[in-house]
Amino acid sequence: MAGHDHSHGGHDHAGHSHGGHSHGGPGGHVHAPKNFGPAFAIGIALNTVFVVVEAIYGYLGNSMSLVADAGHNLSDVLGLVAAWVAAILVRRQATARFTYGYRGSSILAALFNAVFLLIAMGAVIWEALVRLVHPEPVAGTTVMVVAAIGILVNGITAWLFASGAKGDINIRGAFLHMAADAAVSAGVVIAGLVIQLTGLVWLDPAVSLVVAGLVVWATWGLLRDSVAMSLDAVPSEISPEAVTGFLRERPGVADLHDLHIWPMSTTSVALTVHLVMQEGHQTHRVPDNGFLTETAEGLRARFGIVHATMQIEEAGGPACRLAQDCAA
């Protein structure tokens, strides 16, 4: 616990705690997420090669579904690159200007990934609609073979990110895209088989529309979450009411105000709050009583909040301007 005193709104007792650990430097210690560098490198390499192969055979086979899937996979490659760059930046130390380091880059990468993918799918939907009106012959065998390779490539890439899909929205985006691609490629194989057996060429653009619809559906949650994170919204898995209740139950706390909870990155959450202590209560005045450390550890254990800053004020003392602003 790194406790320190400073003047703030007429009160001079503050606690700045990070889950009970001392941190030095402008932004403190960076809680680095699991290293997915090898997974990114393998996934980018596999998908880049496949994009080239799929685009060539889609063009030669006159298959809009293959070309659409190639465009989708290209957007995934760019998304993987952006997510990898962000994962590297997150580990960089803070500076005097970027006092939290570059943790927020992971949120920007997730937002970029979602927006770029939706734009790409808009182009695919437009072209597929044109093909539905003016259908053209399709090489069904070529479609099936190339799409079958896609199932393998995308399945392997999704597996590489499966272990981190729950804890990091950046990794979740990579996993969802790859898993969706594997499923979509399976659909393209089925479409190619049906076209070969029946000659119904309109199935090719129809499958493209299904591809785009599935991708938009899978991406919408990523877009919603990344936009919320970029606006410093309280993470959906954390209840502000529950955090407030936990803090009010701490010994000596009479009230609180100016509570803020926001994501510093896709894997770490910060909190600031003003705690009003009962008049005459000595809990926060004794250096070794563990009040700040225990409170920060509780926030970490119960809510996953790793960076907590607590401003200590006393009931009956000078009125805090921020408390008045919140009440206004």
Protein backbone atom coordinates (compact mmCIF):
# COMPACT_ATOMS: atom_id res chain seq x y z
CA MET A 1 0.00 0.00 0.00
CA ALA A 2 1.38 3.35 -0.97
CA GLY A 3 -0.13 5.85 1.41
CA HIS A 4 0.54 9.56 1.13
CA ASP A 5 -0.87 12.88 2.23
CA HIS A 6 -1.76 15.76 0.00
CA SER A 7 -4.04 18.77 0.07
CA HIS A 8 -7.35 18.32 -1.75
CA GLY A 9 -10.49 20.38 -1.39
CA GLY A 10 -9.54 21.52 2.12
CA HIS A 11 -8.76 18.00 3.41
CA ASP A 12 -5.27 16.73 3.92
CA HIS A 13 -5.51 12.99 4.40
CA ALA A 14 -5.40 10.75 1.36
CA GLY A 15 -4.68 7.14 0.67
CA HIS A 16 -3.42 5.88 -2.64
CA SER A 17 -3.39 2.13 -2.74
CA HIS A 18 -2.92 -0.55 -5.39
CA GLY A 19 -4.10 -3.74 -3.82
CA GLY A 20 -1.53 -3.54 -1.06
CA HIS A 21 1.55 -3.22 -3.25
CA SER A 22 3.89 -0.25 -3.40
CA HIS A 23 4.44 1.25 -6.81
CA GLY A 24 7.08 3.65 -7.98
CA GLY A 25 7.39 5.86 -11.02
CA PRO A 26 4.93 8.20 -12.68
CA GLY A 27 2.21 5.64 -13.22
CA GLY A 28 3.10 2.83 -10.91
CA HIS A 29 3.63 -0.77 -11.77
CA VAL A 30 1.95 -2.15 -14.88
CA HIS A 31 -0.08 -5.28 -14.28
CA ALA A 32 0.88 -7.02 -17.53
CA PRO A 33 -1.62 -9.47 -18.99
CA LYS A 34 -0.62 -12.86 -20.31
CA ASN A 35 1.75 -12.70 -23.27
CA PHE A 36 -0.08 -13.71 -26.45
CA GLY A 37 2.77 -12.55 -28.72
CA PRO A 38 3.42 -16.00 -30.25
CA ALA A 39 -0.32 -16.52 -30.81
CA PHE A 40 -0.57 -13.17 -32.61
CA ALA A 41 2.49 -13.94 -34.78
CA ILE A 42 1.21 -17.38 -35.79
CA GLY A 43 -2.35 -16.17 -36.35
CA ILE A 44 -1.26 -13.21 -38.50
CA ALA A 45 1.06 -15.37 -40.61
CA LEU A 46 -1.51 -18.12 -41.19
CA ASN A 47 -4.32 -15.73 -42.04
CA THR A 48 -2.19 -13.53 -44.33
CA VAL A 49 -1.25 -16.53 -46.46
CA PHE A 50 -4.84 -17.74 -46.49
CA VAL A 51 -6.22 -14.30 -47.48
CA VAL A 52 -3.97 -14.26 -50.56
CA VAL A 53 -4.92 -17.84 -51.54
CA GLU A 54 -8.63 -17.27 -50.92
CA ALA A 55 -8.75 -13.99 -52.85
CA ILE A 56 -6.99 -15.51 -55.87
CA TYR A 57 -9.19 -18.59 -56.04
CA GLY A 58 -12.32 -16.57 -55.30
CA TYR A 59 -11.53 -14.33 -58.27
CA LEU A 60 -10.63 -17.24 -60.56
CA GLY A 61 -13.68 -19.24 -59.45
CA ASN A 62 -15.97 -16.22 -59.69
CA SER A 63 -17.11 -16.85 -56.11
CA MET A 64 -18.42 -13.83 -54.25
CA SER A 65 -18.61 -15.84 -51.03
CA LEU A 66 -14.87 -16.61 -51.21
CA VAL A 67 -13.98 -13.00 -52.06
CA ALA A 68 -16.22 -11.83 -49.21
CA ASP A 69 -14.56 -14.22 -46.81
CA ALA A 70 -11.12 -13.10 -48.01
CA GLY A 71 -12.05 -9.48 -47.28
CA HIS A 72 -13.31 -10.50 -43.88
CA ASN A 73 -10.09 -12.40 -43.16
CA LEU A 74 -8.04 -9.40 -44.28
CA SER A 75 -9.88 -7.24 -41.76
CA ASP A 76 -9.12 -9.88 -39.14
CA VAL A 77 -5.41 -9.72 -40.00
CA LEU A 78 -5.46 -5.95 -39.54
CA GLY A 79 -7.40 -6.41 -36.32
CA LEU A 80 -4.85 -8.93 -35.05
CA VAL A 81 -2.03 -6.52 -35.90
CA ALA A 82 -3.75 -3.67 -34.03
CA ALA A 83 -4.47 -5.92 -31.04
CA TRP A 84 -0.86 -7.15 -30.98
CA VAL A 85 0.52 -3.59 -31.11
CA ALA A 86 -1.80 -2.64 -28.25
CA ALA A 87 -0.73 -5.71 -26.23
CA ILE A 88 2.88 -4.56 -26.60
CA LEU A 89 2.10 -0.93 -25.71
CA VAL A 90 0.19 -2.01 -22.58
CA ARG A 91 3.45 -3.41 -21.18
CA ARG A 92 5.41 -0.20 -21.68
CA GLN A 93 6.24 1.83 -18.59
CA ALA A 94 4.39 5.03 -17.77
CA THR A 95 5.91 8.42 -18.49
CA ALA A 96 5.53 11.90 -17.04
CA ARG A 97 2.95 12.66 -19.75
CA PHE A 98 1.26 9.27 -20.09
CA THR A 99 0.90 8.67 -16.38
CA TYR A 100 -1.05 5.44 -16.81
CA GLY A 101 1.31 4.24 -19.49
CA TYR A 102 -0.26 3.10 -22.75
CA ARG A 103 -2.86 0.79 -21.26
CA GLY A 104 -5.71 2.58 -23.02
CA SER A 105 -4.29 1.53 -26.40
CA SER A 106 -5.87 -1.90 -25.89
CA ILE A 107 -9.31 -0.23 -25.74
CA LEU A 108 -8.57 1.74 -28.92
CA ALA A 109 -7.47 -1.47 -30.66
CA ALA A 110 -10.70 -3.23 -29.73
CA LEU A 111 -12.72 -0.24 -30.98
CA PHE A 112 -10.74 -0.11 -34.23
CA ASN A 113 -11.22 -3.83 -34.70
CA ALA A 114 -14.99 -3.58 -34.31
CA VAL A 115 -15.46 -0.48 -36.51
CA PHE A 116 -13.19 -1.74 -39.30
CA LEU A 117 -14.93 -5.09 -39.37
CA LEU A 118 -18.38 -3.52 -39.60
CA ILE A 119 -17.27 -1.28 -42.48
CA ALA A 120 -15.82 -4.28 -44.33
CA MET A 121 -19.05 -6.21 -43.87
CA GLY A 122 -21.04 -3.27 -45.24
CA ALA A 123 -19.08 -3.52 -48.49
CA VAL A 124 -19.63 -7.28 -48.61
CA ILE A 125 -23.39 -6.90 -48.12
CA TRP A 126 -23.61 -4.37 -50.94
CA GLU A 127 -21.74 -6.58 -53.40
CA ALA A 128 -23.74 -9.65 -52.41
CA LEU A 129 -27.01 -7.82 -53.05
CA VAL A 130 -25.77 -6.88 -56.51
CA ARG A 131 -24.91 -10.54 -57.19
CA LEU A 132 -28.35 -11.65 -56.04
CA VAL A 133 -29.91 -9.41 -58.71
CA HIS A 134 -27.35 -10.45 -61.34
CA PRO A 135 -26.15 -13.96 -60.45
CA GLU A 136 -23.05 -15.39 -62.17
CA PRO A 137 -21.62 -18.94 -62.53
CA VAL A 138 -19.57 -20.19 -59.58
CA ALA A 139 -16.90 -22.92 -59.39
CA GLY A 140 -18.40 -25.03 -56.60
CA THR A 141 -15.42 -27.38 -56.16
CA THR A 142 -12.98 -24.48 -55.80
CA VAL A 143 -15.25 -22.86 -53.24
CA MET A 144 -15.42 -26.04 -51.15
CA VAL A 145 -11.68 -26.77 -51.17
CA VAL A 146 -10.58 -23.25 -50.28
CA ALA A 147 -13.25 -22.84 -47.63
CA ALA A 148 -12.26 -26.19 -46.09
CA ILE A 149 -8.71 -24.87 -45.73
CA GLY A 150 -10.26 -21.82 -44.05
CA ILE A 151 -11.91 -24.01 -41.43
CA LEU A 152 -8.49 -25.39 -40.48
CA VAL A 153 -6.67 -22.04 -40.49
CA ASN A 154 -9.33 -20.16 -38.55
CA GLY A 155 -9.91 -23.03 -36.14
CA ILE A 156 -6.22 -23.19 -35.22
CA THR A 157 -6.04 -19.40 -34.79
CA ALA A 158 -9.16 -19.34 -32.59
CA TRP A 159 -7.71 -22.09 -30.42
CA LEU A 160 -4.56 -19.99 -29.86
CA PHE A 161 -6.65 -17.23 -28.25
CA ALA A 162 -9.24 -19.39 -26.46
CA SER A 163 -7.55 -19.23 -23.05
CA GLY A 164 -7.67 -15.41 -22.90
CA ALA A 165 -11.12 -14.82 -24.39
CA LYS A 166 -12.86 -14.28 -21.04
CA GLY A 167 -10.36 -11.94 -19.37
CA ASP A 168 -9.48 -9.45 -22.13
CA ILE A 169 -11.84 -7.84 -24.63
CA ASN A 170 -8.91 -7.49 -27.05
CA ILE A 171 -8.22 -11.23 -26.99
CA ARG A 172 -11.96 -11.91 -27.00
CA GLY A 173 -12.28 -9.96 -30.24
CA ALA A 174 -9.53 -12.03 -31.86
CA PHE A 175 -11.07 -15.28 -30.63
CA LEU A 176 -14.61 -14.41 -31.72
CA HIS A 177 -13.52 -13.39 -35.19
CA MET A 178 -11.49 -16.52 -35.75
CA ALA A 179 -14.19 -18.81 -34.35
CA ALA A 180 -16.84 -17.08 -36.45
CA ASP A 181 -14.63 -17.43 -39.53
CA ALA A 182 -14.30 -21.17 -38.95
CA ALA A 183 -18.08 -21.52 -38.71
CA VAL A 184 -18.62 -19.32 -41.76
CA SER A 185 -16.11 -21.32 -43.79
CA ALA A 186 -18.08 -24.44 -42.92
CA GLY A 187 -21.18 -22.72 -44.29
CA VAL A 188 -19.35 -21.84 -47.49
CA VAL A 189 -18.33 -25.49 -47.95
CA ILE A 190 -21.97 -26.52 -47.68
CA ALA A 191 -23.00 -23.80 -50.14
CA GLY A 192 -20.36 -24.95 -52.62
CA LEU A 193 -21.63 -28.52 -52.40
CA VAL A 194 -25.24 -27.46 -52.94
CA ILE A 195 -24.26 -25.27 -55.91
CA GLN A 196 -22.38 -28.16 -57.45
CA LEU A 197 -25.35 -30.51 -57.04
CA THR A 198 -28.17 -28.14 -57.97
CA GLY A 199 -26.63 -25.33 -60.02
CA LEU A 200 -28.36 -22.70 -57.83
CA VAL A 201 -25.71 -19.98 -58.21
CA TRP A 202 -27.75 -17.50 -56.18
CA LEU A 203 -26.70 -19.49 -53.10
CA ASP A 204 -23.21 -17.96 -53.35
CA PRO A 205 -24.26 -14.32 -52.67
CA ALA A 206 -26.89 -15.61 -50.24
CA VAL A 207 -24.17 -17.26 -48.20
CA SER A 208 -22.20 -13.98 -48.38
CA LEU A 209 -25.16 -12.22 -46.76
CA VAL A 210 -25.32 -14.87 -44.05
CA VAL A 211 -21.56 -14.48 -43.51
CA ALA A 212 -21.91 -10.73 -43.12
CA GLY A 213 -24.93 -11.07 -40.84
CA LEU A 214 -23.15 -13.48 -38.51
CA VAL A 215 -20.06 -11.26 -38.37
CA VAL A 216 -22.10 -8.13 -37.64
CA TRP A 217 -23.97 -9.97 -34.90
CA ALA A 218 -20.75 -11.28 -33.33
CA THR A 219 -19.07 -7.87 -33.62
CA TRP A 220 -21.89 -5.78 -32.15
CA GLY A 221 -21.08 -6.77 -28.57
CA LEU A 222 -17.40 -5.98 -29.13
CA LEU A 223 -18.32 -2.55 -30.51
CA ARG A 224 -20.68 -1.83 -27.61
CA ASP A 225 -18.13 -2.84 -24.98
CA SER A 226 -15.20 -1.02 -26.58
CA VAL A 227 -17.21 2.20 -26.98
CA ALA A 228 -18.28 1.99 -23.33
CA MET A 229 -14.67 1.46 -22.26
CA SER A 230 -13.43 4.39 -24.34
CA LEU A 231 -16.01 6.59 -22.56
CA ASP A 232 -14.74 5.43 -19.13
CA ALA A 233 -17.99 3.63 -18.33
CA VAL A 234 -18.06 1.36 -15.30
CA PRO A 235 -17.23 -2.15 -16.57
CA SER A 236 -20.40 -4.20 -17.01
CA GLU A 237 -19.20 -6.89 -14.60
CA ILE A 238 -18.86 -4.38 -11.74
CA SER A 239 -21.88 -3.06 -9.84
CA PRO A 240 -21.35 0.53 -8.59
CA GLU A 241 -24.01 -0.13 -5.94
CA ALA A 242 -22.09 -3.16 -4.68
CA VAL A 243 -18.84 -1.18 -4.54
CA THR A 244 -20.61 1.61 -2.66
CA GLY A 245 -22.05 -0.89 -0.20
CA PHE A 246 -18.63 -2.47 0.39
CA LEU A 247 -17.01 0.91 1.07
CA ARG A 248 -19.79 2.04 3.41
CA GLU A 249 -19.30 -1.12 5.47
CA ARG A 250 -15.62 -0.38 6.07
CA PRO A 251 -14.90 0.51 9.74
CA GLY A 252 -15.23 4.21 10.50
CA VAL A 253 -16.75 5.19 7.14
CA ALA A 254 -19.74 7.50 7.65
CA ASP A 255 -20.32 8.44 4.03
CA LEU A 256 -18.67 8.66 0.62
CA HIS A 257 -18.91 10.72 -2.54
CA ASP A 258 -17.20 11.40 -5.87
CA LEU A 259 -16.92 7.67 -6.64
CA HIS A 260 -15.47 6.89 -10.07
CA ILE A 261 -14.79 3.45 -11.54
CA TRP A 262 -13.34 3.12 -15.03
CA PRO A 263 -11.23 0.78 -17.18
CA MET A 264 -7.61 1.84 -17.64
CA SER A 265 -7.22 -0.91 -20.24
CA THR A 266 -9.08 -3.99 -21.38
CA THR A 267 -7.71 -5.89 -18.38
CA SER A 268 -7.34 -3.39 -15.50
CA VAL A 269 -9.83 -1.20 -13.62
CA ALA A 270 -9.23 1.92 -11.51
CA LEU A 271 -11.25 3.62 -8.77
CA THR A 272 -11.18 6.95 -6.99
CA VAL A 273 -13.42 7.89 -4.08
CA HIS A 274 -13.75 10.32 -1.18
CA LEU A 275 -14.37 8.51 2.11
CA VAL A 276 -15.90 10.58 4.91
CA MET A 277 -14.79 9.12 8.24
CA GLN A 278 -16.83 9.34 11.43
CA GLU A 279 -15.93 12.31 13.58
CA GLY A 280 -13.21 11.36 16.05
CA HIS A 281 -12.64 7.94 14.46
CA GLN A 282 -8.95 7.05 14.48
CA THR A 283 -8.91 4.12 12.01
CA HIS A 284 -7.34 6.04 9.17
CA ARG A 285 -4.87 7.95 11.37
CA VAL A 286 -2.83 5.00 12.60
CA PRO A 287 -0.13 4.25 10.02
CA ASP A 288 -0.05 0.49 10.59
CA ASN A 289 -3.74 -0.28 11.08
CA GLY A 290 -4.10 -1.63 7.54
CA PHE A 291 -7.29 0.31 6.72
CA LEU A 292 -6.18 1.41 3.25
CA THR A 293 -4.45 -1.87 2.47
CA GLU A 294 -7.41 -4.00 3.53
CA THR A 295 -9.86 -1.78 1.66
CA ALA A 296 -7.78 -1.94 -1.53
CA GLU A 297 -7.35 -5.70 -1.21
CA GLY A 298 -11.11 -6.07 -0.77
CA LEU A 299 -11.74 -4.02 -3.91
CA ARG A 300 -9.30 -6.21 -5.81
CA ALA A 301 -10.64 -9.52 -4.53
CA ARG A 302 -14.36 -8.75 -4.84
CA PHE A 303 -14.46 -6.50 -7.90
CA GLY A 304 -11.14 -6.88 -9.73
CA ILE A 305 -10.24 -3.20 -9.13
CA VAL A 306 -6.44 -3.09 -9.17
CA HIS A 307 -5.77 0.66 -8.85
CA ALA A 308 -7.65 2.35 -5.99
CA THR A 309 -7.14 5.93 -4.80
CA MET A 310 -9.03 6.94 -1.63
CA GLN A 311 -9.33 10.52 -0.42
CA ILE A 312 -9.91 10.60 3.36
CA GLU A 313 -12.11 13.33 4.83
CA GLU A 314 -13.63 13.84 8.29
CA ALA A 315 -17.27 14.35 9.19
CA GLY A 316 -17.73 17.80 10.65
CA GLY A 317 -14.66 19.12 8.82
CA PRO A 318 -14.53 21.62 5.97
CA ALA A 319 -17.09 20.89 3.27
CA CYS A 320 -15.69 19.17 0.19
CA ARG A 321 -16.46 21.11 -2.99
CA LEU A 322 -16.79 17.88 -5.00
CA ALA A 323 -19.41 16.58 -2.56
CA GLN A 324 -21.38 19.76 -3.09
CA ASP A 325 -21.04 19.41 -6.89
CA CYS A 326 -22.32 15.84 -6.74
CA ALA A 327 -25.33 16.89 -4.66
CA ALA A 328 -26.18 19.79 -6.97
